[in-house]
Structures are given as C-alpha cells and as structure tokens.
Amino acid sequence: MIDVAITRMSSKGQVVIPAEMRSDINEGDKLLIIQNEGQLIMKKADKLDSNLKEDLEFAKKTNEAWKRIEKGKCIKMDFDNFIDALKKW
C-alpha cells in the first residue's frame, strides 16, 4: 500500500517523517535517500540487500511516470481502478 504525506524541511535541513509513516523506524536507524530530478526516495538502510535493484528500478519507473504526467500523457481513473492497476503492477 502506498501512503502519502506532506512535511517540510527546517532551516537546519531537518525533515520530520510523519508519525504514521515511522512506526518501523527507530531513533538512530540509518536511512538511504535517493535523489533524482527533484524526487526523494527514502528507505531504511538496514533493509538494503538484493531489493536495492528493485528499489532503483522503482525510482526509475517513478521518474518516467512523472515525466509523462508533466507532458500531459497520463490516464485518468477513479480510485478503485487505480488500486486495481497497482495490484497488477
């Protein structure tokens, strides 16, 4: 399931991870952050393994999707159809 939240960066460069998204993160845990053309993807560093390749592929696909959206090449669908499409992906 994909969760979405909005946060902001402080003047010291600190970003608060919303409480509902940090239940699996403990104080002192290391986090990997991938930046790509204005996008940030964050993952717990202790979970890095063979899934890193999958994560990088996900980041690539996300970037490609944003480019299509920016060009107006997207498909509109209602929420239920969107969730069904995600399950098939």
PDB file of N, CA and C in Angstrom:
ATOM      1  N   MET A   1       0.844  -1.182   0.000  1.00  0.00           N
ATOM      2  CA  MET A   1       0.000   0.000   0.000  1.00  0.00           C
ATOM      3  C   MET A   1       0.887   1.242   0.000  1.00  0.00           C
ATOM      4  N   ILE A   2       0.501   2.236  -0.734  1.00  0.00           N
ATOM      5  CA  ILE A   2       1.262   3.476  -0.831  1.00  0.00           C
ATOM      6  C   ILE A   2       0.616   4.515   0.078  1.00  0.00           C
ATOM      7  N   ASP A   3       1.415   5.097   0.975  1.00  0.00           N
ATOM      8  CA  ASP A   3       0.954   6.183   1.835  1.00  0.00           C
ATOM      9  C   ASP A   3       1.584   7.475   1.340  1.00  0.00           C
ATOM     10  N   VAL A   4       0.855   8.559   1.488  1.00  0.00           N
ATOM     11  CA  VAL A   4       1.341   9.873   1.059  1.00  0.00           C
ATOM     12  C   VAL A   4       1.148  10.852   2.203  1.00  0.00           C
ATOM     13  N   ALA A   5       2.146  11.704   2.441  1.00  0.00           N
ATOM     14  CA  ALA A   5       2.046  12.729   3.478  1.00  0.00           C
ATOM     15  C   ALA A   5       2.862  13.937   3.026  1.00  0.00           C
ATOM     16  N   ILE A   6       2.609  15.063   3.655  1.00  0.00           N
ATOM     17  CA  ILE A   6       3.359  16.289   3.365  1.00  0.00           C
ATOM     18  C   ILE A   6       4.104  16.703   4.617  1.00  0.00           C
ATOM     19  N   THR A   7       5.356  17.087   4.445  1.00  0.00           N
ATOM     20  CA  THR A   7       6.173  17.577   5.545  1.00  0.00           C
ATOM     21  C   THR A   7       6.995  18.741   4.999  1.00  0.00           C
ATOM     22  N   ARG A   8       7.825  19.329   5.827  1.00  0.00           N
ATOM     23  CA  ARG A   8       8.671  20.420   5.333  1.00  0.00           C
ATOM     24  C   ARG A   8      10.049  20.311   5.963  1.00  0.00           C
ATOM     25  N   MET A   9      11.009  20.960   5.329  1.00  0.00           N
ATOM     26  CA  MET A   9      12.377  20.953   5.815  1.00  0.00           C
ATOM     27  C   MET A   9      12.614  22.203   6.652  1.00  0.00           C
ATOM     28  N   SER A  10      13.330  22.038   7.770  1.00  0.00           N
ATOM     29  CA  SER A  10      13.648  23.175   8.636  1.00  0.00           C
ATOM     30  C   SER A  10      14.832  23.947   8.063  1.00  0.00           C
ATOM     31  N   SER A  11      15.122  25.088   8.670  1.00  0.00           N
ATOM     32  CA  SER A  11      16.263  25.901   8.234  1.00  0.00           C
ATOM     33  C   SER A  11      17.592  25.170   8.442  1.00  0.00           C
ATOM     34  N   LYS A  12      17.593  24.144   9.290  1.00  0.00           N
ATOM     35  CA  LYS A  12      18.800  23.344   9.541  1.00  0.00           C
ATOM     36  C   LYS A  12      18.855  22.106   8.648  1.00  0.00           C
ATOM     37  N   GLY A  13      17.919  21.979   7.718  1.00  0.00           N
ATOM     38  CA  GLY A  13      17.917  20.844   6.808  1.00  0.00           C
ATOM     39  C   GLY A  13      17.267  19.598   7.373  1.00  0.00           C
ATOM     40  N   GLN A  14      16.587  19.737   8.492  1.00  0.00           N
ATOM     41  CA  GLN A  14      15.932  18.581   9.110  1.00  0.00           C
ATOM     42  C   GLN A  14      14.524  18.408   8.550  1.00  0.00           C
ATOM     43  N   VAL A  15      14.164  17.137   8.319  1.00  0.00           N
ATOM     44  CA  VAL A  15      12.845  16.807   7.799  1.00  0.00           C
ATOM     45  C   VAL A  15      12.172  15.862   8.786  1.00  0.00           C
ATOM     46  N   VAL A  16      10.934  16.161   9.128  1.00  0.00           N
ATOM     47  CA  VAL A  16      10.182  15.317  10.037  1.00  0.00           C
ATOM     48  C   VAL A  16       9.453  14.256   9.219  1.00  0.00           C
ATOM     49  N   ILE A  17       9.647  13.001   9.589  1.00  0.00           N
ATOM     50  CA  ILE A  17       8.883  11.920   8.969  1.00  0.00           C
ATOM     51  C   ILE A  17       7.578  11.824   9.752  1.00  0.00           C
ATOM     52  N   PRO A  18       6.435  11.969   9.091  1.00  0.00           N
ATOM     53  CA  PRO A  18       5.155  11.925   9.805  1.00  0.00           C
ATOM     54  C   PRO A  18       5.011  10.666  10.659  1.00  0.00           C
ATOM     55  N   ALA A  19       4.424  10.805  11.836  1.00  0.00           N
ATOM     56  CA  ALA A  19       4.312   9.720  12.804  1.00  0.00           C
ATOM     57  C   ALA A  19       3.720   8.453  12.200  1.00  0.00           C
ATOM     58  N   GLU A  20       2.699   8.611  11.365  1.00  0.00           N
ATOM     59  CA  GLU A  20       2.052   7.429  10.805  1.00  0.00           C
ATOM     60  C   GLU A  20       2.947   6.663   9.821  1.00  0.00           C
ATOM     61  N   MET A  21       4.081   7.265   9.434  1.00  0.00           N
ATOM     62  CA  MET A  21       4.988   6.610   8.490  1.00  0.00           C
ATOM     63  C   MET A  21       6.281   6.127   9.134  1.00  0.00           C
ATOM     64  N   ARG A  22       6.442   6.328  10.427  1.00  0.00           N
ATOM     65  CA  ARG A  22       7.709   5.935  11.043  1.00  0.00           C
ATOM     66  C   ARG A  22       7.564   4.834  12.087  1.00  0.00           C
ATOM     67  N   SER A  23       6.494   4.072  12.033  1.00  0.00           N
ATOM     68  CA  SER A  23       6.299   3.010  13.024  1.00  0.00           C
ATOM     69  C   SER A  23       7.391   1.945  12.945  1.00  0.00           C
ATOM     70  N   ASP A  24       8.009   1.786  11.782  1.00  0.00           N
ATOM     71  CA  ASP A  24       9.060   0.786  11.602  1.00  0.00           C
ATOM     72  C   ASP A  24      10.463   1.396  11.672  1.00  0.00           C
ATOM     73  N   ILE A  25      10.553   2.673  12.078  1.00  0.00           N
ATOM     74  CA  ILE A  25      11.841   3.365  12.138  1.00  0.00           C
ATOM     75  C   ILE A  25      12.121   3.731  13.590  1.00  0.00           C
ATOM     76  N   ASN A  26      13.322   3.416  14.044  1.00  0.00           N
ATOM     77  CA  ASN A  26      13.718   3.722  15.421  1.00  0.00           C
ATOM     78  C   ASN A  26      14.777   4.820  15.433  1.00  0.00           C
ATOM     79  N   GLU A  27      14.864   5.533  16.547  1.00  0.00           N
ATOM     80  CA  GLU A  27      15.890   6.555  16.704  1.00  0.00           C
ATOM     81  C   GLU A  27      17.258   5.942  16.445  1.00  0.00           C
ATOM     82  N   GLY A  28      18.049   6.589  15.625  1.00  0.00           N
ATOM     83  CA  GLY A  28      19.391   6.106  15.304  1.00  0.00           C
ATOM     84  C   GLY A  28      19.461   5.232  14.067  1.00  0.00           C
ATOM     85  N   ASP A  29      18.316   4.779  13.539  1.00  0.00           N
ATOM     86  CA  ASP A  29      18.329   3.981  12.312  1.00  0.00           C
ATOM     87  C   ASP A  29      18.890   4.805  11.165  1.00  0.00           C
ATOM     88  N   LYS A  30      19.662   4.165  10.315  1.00  0.00           N
ATOM     89  CA  LYS A  30      20.197   4.839   9.138  1.00  0.00           C
ATOM     90  C   LYS A  30      19.195   4.720   8.000  1.00  0.00           C
ATOM     91  N   LEU A  31      19.086   5.798   7.226  1.00  0.00           N
ATOM     92  CA  LEU A  31      18.152   5.842   6.113  1.00  0.00           C
ATOM     93  C   LEU A  31      18.908   6.163   4.830  1.00  0.00           C
ATOM     94  N   LEU A  32      18.593   5.463   3.765  1.00  0.00           N
ATOM     95  CA  LEU A  32      19.145   5.733   2.448  1.00  0.00           C
ATOM     96  C   LEU A  32      18.197   6.698   1.756  1.00  0.00           C
ATOM     97  N   ILE A  33      18.744   7.754   1.157  1.00  0.00           N
ATOM     98  CA  ILE A  33      17.923   8.705   0.414  1.00  0.00           C
ATOM     99  C   ILE A  33      18.476   8.779  -1.002  1.00  0.00           C
ATOM    100  N   ILE A  34      17.585   8.565  -1.961  1.00  0.00           N
ATOM    101  CA  ILE A  34      17.942   8.632  -3.374  1.00  0.00           C
ATOM    102  C   ILE A  34      17.294   9.884  -3.944  1.00  0.00           C
ATOM    103  N   GLN A  35      18.085  10.739  -4.566  1.00  0.00           N
ATOM    104  CA  GLN A  35      17.543  11.948  -5.200  1.00  0.00           C
ATOM    105  C   GLN A  35      17.663  11.796  -6.701  1.00  0.00           C
ATOM    106  N   ASN A  36      16.580  12.127  -7.385  1.00  0.00           N
ATOM    107  CA  ASN A  36      16.571  12.050  -8.834  1.00  0.00           C
ATOM    108  C   ASN A  36      15.642  13.113  -9.379  1.00  0.00           C
ATOM    109  N   GLU A  37      16.213  14.147  -9.982  1.00  0.00           N
ATOM    110  CA  GLU A  37      15.437  15.201 -10.628  1.00  0.00           C
ATOM    111  C   GLU A  37      14.287  15.716  -9.763  1.00  0.00           C
ATOM    112  N   GLY A  38      14.601  16.148  -8.556  1.00  0.00           N
ATOM    113  CA  GLY A  38      13.589  16.741  -7.687  1.00  0.00           C
ATOM    114  C   GLY A  38      12.772  15.745  -6.892  1.00  0.00           C
ATOM    115  N   GLN A  39      13.051  14.465  -7.016  1.00  0.00           N
ATOM    116  CA  GLN A  39      12.336  13.440  -6.263  1.00  0.00           C
ATOM    117  C   GLN A  39      13.266  12.860  -5.207  1.00  0.00           C
ATOM    118  N   LEU A  40      12.706  12.533  -4.057  1.00  0.00           N
ATOM    119  CA  LEU A  40      13.466  11.889  -2.994  1.00  0.00           C
ATOM    120  C   LEU A  40      12.778  10.581  -2.643  1.00  0.00           C
ATOM    121  N   ILE A  41      13.560   9.511  -2.552  1.00  0.00           N
ATOM    122  CA  ILE A  41      13.045   8.219  -2.132  1.00  0.00           C
ATOM    123  C   ILE A  41      13.854   7.815  -0.914  1.00  0.00           C
ATOM    124  N   MET A  42      13.173   7.415   0.156  1.00  0.00           N
ATOM    125  CA  MET A  42      13.839   7.086   1.409  1.00  0.00           C
ATOM    126  C   MET A  42      13.560   5.630   1.772  1.00  0.00           C
ATOM    127  N   LYS A  43      14.607   4.937   2.260  1.00  0.00           N
ATOM    128  CA  LYS A  43      14.468   3.542   2.663  1.00  0.00           C
ATOM    129  C   LYS A  43      15.404   3.281   3.833  1.00  0.00           C
ATOM    130  N   LYS A  44      14.959   2.425   4.746  1.00  0.00           N
ATOM    131  CA  LYS A  44      15.831   2.061   5.858  1.00  0.00           C
ATOM    132  C   LYS A  44      17.068   1.359   5.315  1.00  0.00           C
ATOM    133  N   ALA A  45      18.239   1.801   5.754  1.00  0.00           N
ATOM    134  CA  ALA A  45      19.496   1.257   5.243  1.00  0.00           C
ATOM    135  C   ALA A  45      19.708  -0.189   5.682  1.00  0.00           C
ATOM    136  N   ASP A  46      19.155  -0.610   6.801  1.00  0.00           N
ATOM    137  CA  ASP A  46      19.354  -1.988   7.255  1.00  0.00           C
ATOM    138  C   ASP A  46      18.554  -2.987   6.426  1.00  0.00           C
ATOM    139  N   LYS A  47      17.679  -2.492   5.574  1.00  0.00           N
ATOM    140  CA  LYS A  47      16.904  -3.385   4.720  1.00  0.00           C
ATOM    141  C   LYS A  47      17.489  -3.458   3.310  1.00  0.00           C
ATOM    142  N   LEU A  48      18.699  -2.937   3.138  1.00  0.00           N
ATOM    143  CA  LEU A  48      19.333  -2.980   1.826  1.00  0.00           C
ATOM    144  C   LEU A  48      19.873  -4.381   1.572  1.00  0.00           C
ATOM    145  N   ASP A  49      19.555  -4.907   0.466  1.00  0.00           N
ATOM    146  CA  ASP A  49      20.044  -6.215   0.044  1.00  0.00           C
ATOM    147  C   ASP A  49      19.750  -6.334  -1.436  1.00  0.00           C
ATOM    148  N   SER A  50      19.366  -7.487  -1.867  1.00  0.00           N
ATOM    149  CA  SER A  50      19.066  -7.666  -3.284  1.00  0.00           C
ATOM    150  C   SER A  50      17.883  -6.808  -3.720  1.00  0.00           C
ATOM    151  N   ASN A  51      17.102  -6.304  -2.756  1.00  0.00           N
ATOM    152  CA  ASN A  51      15.957  -5.463  -3.107  1.00  0.00           C
ATOM    153  C   ASN A  51      16.381  -4.074  -3.576  1.00  0.00           C
ATOM    154  N   LEU A  52      17.647  -3.702  -3.376  1.00  0.00           N
ATOM    155  CA  LEU A  52      18.101  -2.380  -3.808  1.00  0.00           C
ATOM    156  C   LEU A  52      17.899  -2.218  -5.310  1.00  0.00           C
ATOM    157  N   LYS A  53      18.194  -3.273  -6.070  1.00  0.00           N
ATOM    158  CA  LYS A  53      17.989  -3.208  -7.516  1.00  0.00           C
ATOM    159  C   LYS A  53      16.520  -2.932  -7.828  1.00  0.00           C
ATOM    160  N   GLU A  54      15.619  -3.590  -7.105  1.00  0.00           N
ATOM    161  CA  GLU A  54      14.186  -3.354  -7.293  1.00  0.00           C
ATOM    162  C   GLU A  54      13.816  -1.917  -6.928  1.00  0.00           C
ATOM    163  N   ASP A  55      14.400  -1.408  -5.847  1.00  0.00           N
ATOM    164  CA  ASP A  55      14.121  -0.032  -5.422  1.00  0.00           C
ATOM    165  C   ASP A  55      14.584   0.972  -6.479  1.00  0.00           C
ATOM    166  N   LEU A  56      15.760   0.746  -7.041  1.00  0.00           N
ATOM    167  CA  LEU A  56      16.270   1.646  -8.065  1.00  0.00           C
ATOM    168  C   LEU A  56      15.411   1.569  -9.329  1.00  0.00           C
ATOM    169  N   GLU A  57      14.929   0.378  -9.649  1.00  0.00           N
ATOM    170  CA  GLU A  57      14.031   0.232 -10.796  1.00  0.00           C
ATOM    171  C   GLU A  57      12.716   0.959 -10.541  1.00  0.00           C
ATOM    172  N   PHE A  58      12.223   0.871  -9.288  1.00  0.00           N
ATOM    173  CA  PHE A  58      11.004   1.600  -8.916  1.00  0.00           C
ATOM    174  C   PHE A  58      11.227   3.103  -9.058  1.00  0.00           C
ATOM    175  N   ALA A  59      12.392   3.580  -8.611  1.00  0.00           N
ATOM    176  CA  ALA A  59      12.707   5.012  -8.726  1.00  0.00           C
ATOM    177  C   ALA A  59      12.740   5.427 -10.191  1.00  0.00           C
ATOM    178  N   LYS A  60      13.330   4.588 -11.040  1.00  0.00           N
ATOM    179  CA  LYS A  60      13.395   4.885 -12.471  1.00  0.00           C
ATOM    180  C   LYS A  60      11.991   4.957 -13.068  1.00  0.00           C
ATOM    181  N   LYS A  61      11.145   3.980 -12.728  1.00  0.00           N
ATOM    182  CA  LYS A  61       9.779   3.967 -13.257  1.00  0.00           C
ATOM    183  C   LYS A  61       8.976   5.159 -12.747  1.00  0.00           C
ATOM    184  N   THR A  62       9.204   5.531 -11.484  1.00  0.00           N
ATOM    185  CA  THR A  62       8.515   6.693 -10.921  1.00  0.00           C
ATOM    186  C   THR A  62       8.922   7.955 -11.665  1.00  0.00           C
ATOM    187  N   ASN A  63      10.213   8.088 -11.936  1.00  0.00           N
ATOM    188  CA  ASN A  63      10.707   9.247 -12.675  1.00  0.00           C
ATOM    189  C   ASN A  63      10.094   9.300 -14.070  1.00  0.00           C
ATOM    190  N   GLU A  64      10.036   8.171 -14.739  1.00  0.00           N
ATOM    191  CA  GLU A  64       9.435   8.120 -16.072  1.00  0.00           C
ATOM    192  C   GLU A  64       7.960   8.510 -16.019  1.00  0.00           C
ATOM    193  N   ALA A  65       7.260   8.052 -14.981  1.00  0.00           N
ATOM    194  CA  ALA A  65       5.840   8.389 -14.829  1.00  0.00           C
ATOM    195  C   ALA A  65       5.658   9.886 -14.626  1.00  0.00           C
ATOM    196  N   TRP A  66       6.503  10.504 -13.787  1.00  0.00           N
ATOM    197  CA  TRP A  66       6.399  11.953 -13.562  1.00  0.00           C
ATOM    198  C   TRP A  66       6.625  12.718 -14.859  1.00  0.00           C
ATOM    199  N   LYS A  67       7.566  12.255 -15.671  1.00  0.00           N
ATOM    200  CA  LYS A  67       7.817  12.916 -16.952  1.00  0.00           C
ATOM    201  C   LYS A  67       6.591  12.836 -17.855  1.00  0.00           C
ATOM    202  N   ARG A  68       5.928  11.665 -17.870  1.00  0.00           N
ATOM    203  CA  ARG A  68       4.713  11.521 -18.676  1.00  0.00           C
ATOM    204  C   ARG A  68       3.604  12.435 -18.152  1.00  0.00           C
ATOM    205  N   ILE A  69       3.482  12.529 -16.831  1.00  0.00           N
ATOM    206  CA  ILE A  69       2.459  13.398 -16.237  1.00  0.00           C
ATOM    207  C   ILE A  69       2.721  14.851 -16.609  1.00  0.00           C
ATOM    208  N   GLU A  70       3.993  15.283 -16.503  1.00  0.00           N
ATOM    209  CA  GLU A  70       4.350  16.663 -16.836  1.00  0.00           C
ATOM    210  C   GLU A  70       4.056  16.990 -18.296  1.00  0.00           C
ATOM    211  N   LYS A  71       4.135  15.985 -19.166  1.00  0.00           N
ATOM    212  CA  LYS A  71       3.855  16.193 -20.586  1.00  0.00           C
ATOM    213  C   LYS A  71       2.367  16.037 -20.902  1.00  0.00           C
ATOM    214  N   GLY A  72       1.561  15.745 -19.877  1.00  0.00           N
ATOM    215  CA  GLY A  72       0.121  15.576 -20.087  1.00  0.00           C
ATOM    216  C   GLY A  72      -0.253  14.226 -20.661  1.00  0.00           C
ATOM    217  N   LYS A  73       0.673  13.289 -20.614  1.00  0.00           N
ATOM    218  CA  LYS A  73       0.427  11.950 -21.144  1.00  0.00           C
ATOM    219  C   LYS A  73       0.107  11.000 -19.995  1.00  0.00           C
ATOM    220  N   CYS A  74      -1.074  11.146 -19.443  1.00  0.00           N
ATOM    221  CA  CYS A  74      -1.457  10.299 -18.321  1.00  0.00           C
ATOM    222  C   CYS A  74      -2.881   9.806 -18.519  1.00  0.00           C
ATOM    223  N   ILE A  75      -3.236   8.829 -17.740  1.00  0.00           N
ATOM    224  CA  ILE A  75      -4.574   8.241 -17.812  1.00  0.00           C
ATOM    225  C   ILE A  75      -5.322   8.635 -16.552  1.00  0.00           C
ATOM    226  N   LYS A  76      -6.519   9.167 -16.710  1.00  0.00           N
ATOM    227  CA  LYS A  76      -7.359   9.470 -15.557  1.00  0.00           C
ATOM    228  C   LYS A  76      -8.173   8.232 -15.219  1.00  0.00           C
ATOM    229  N   MET A  77      -8.254   7.926 -13.916  1.00  0.00           N
ATOM    230  CA  MET A  77      -9.083   6.804 -13.482  1.00  0.00           C
ATOM    231  C   MET A  77      -9.545   7.067 -12.065  1.00  0.00           C
ATOM    232  N   ASP A  78     -10.637   6.422 -11.699  1.00  0.00           N
ATOM    233  CA  ASP A  78     -11.124   6.599 -10.336  1.00  0.00           C
ATOM    234  C   ASP A  78     -10.264   5.787  -9.373  1.00  0.00           C
ATOM    235  N   PHE A  79     -10.462   5.997  -8.098  1.00  0.00           N
ATOM    236  CA  PHE A  79      -9.619   5.403  -7.055  1.00  0.00           C
ATOM    237  C   PHE A  79      -9.589   3.884  -7.145  1.00  0.00           C
ATOM    238  N   ASP A  80     -10.751   3.249  -7.263  1.00  0.00           N
ATOM    239  CA  ASP A  80     -10.815   1.783  -7.282  1.00  0.00           C
ATOM    240  C   ASP A  80     -10.046   1.201  -8.462  1.00  0.00           C
ATOM    241  N   ASN A  81     -10.179   1.812  -9.633  1.00  0.00           N
ATOM    242  CA  ASN A  81      -9.442   1.335 -10.798  1.00  0.00           C
ATOM    243  C   ASN A  81      -7.942   1.545 -10.617  1.00  0.00           C
ATOM    244  N   PHE A  82      -7.559   2.639  -9.964  1.00  0.00           N
ATOM    245  CA  PHE A  82      -6.152   2.907  -9.695  1.00  0.00           C
ATOM    246  C   PHE A  82      -5.569   1.826  -8.787  1.00  0.00           C
ATOM    247  N   ILE A  83      -6.285   1.488  -7.722  1.00  0.00           N
ATOM    248  CA  ILE A  83      -5.803   0.443  -6.799  1.00  0.00           C
ATOM    249  C   ILE A  83      -5.708  -0.896  -7.521  1.00  0.00           C
ATOM    250  N   ASP A  84      -6.688  -1.229  -8.349  1.00  0.00           N
ATOM    251  CA  ASP A  84      -6.634  -2.473  -9.120  1.00  0.00           C
ATOM    252  C   ASP A  84      -5.412  -2.490 -10.044  1.00  0.00           C
ATOM    253  N   ALA A  85      -5.120  -1.356 -10.671  1.00  0.00           N
ATOM    254  CA  ALA A  85      -3.950  -1.267 -11.554  1.00  0.00           C
ATOM    255  C   ALA A  85      -2.656  -1.442 -10.751  1.00  0.00           C
ATOM    256  N   LEU A  86      -2.597  -0.882  -9.553  1.00  0.00           N
ATOM    257  CA  LEU A  86      -1.399  -1.048  -8.715  1.00  0.00           C
ATOM    258  C   LEU A  86      -1.191  -2.499  -8.331  1.00  0.00           C
ATOM    259  N   LYS A  87      -2.263  -3.205  -8.028  1.00  0.00           N
ATOM    260  CA  LYS A  87      -2.165  -4.616  -7.645  1.00  0.00           C
ATOM    261  C   LYS A  87      -1.604  -5.458  -8.786  1.00  0.00           C
ATOM    262  N   LYS A  88      -1.935  -5.083 -10.015  1.00  0.00           N
ATOM    263  CA  LYS A  88      -1.450  -5.823 -11.180  1.00  0.00           C
ATOM    264  C   LYS A  88      -0.001  -5.479 -11.498  1.00  0.00           C
ATOM    265  N   TRP A  89       0.445  -4.299 -11.082  1.00  0.00           N
ATOM    266  CA  TRP A  89       1.785  -3.833 -11.365  1.00  0.00           C
ATOM    267  C   TRP A  89       2.775  -4.613 -10.559  1.00  0.00           C
TER     268      TRP A  89
END
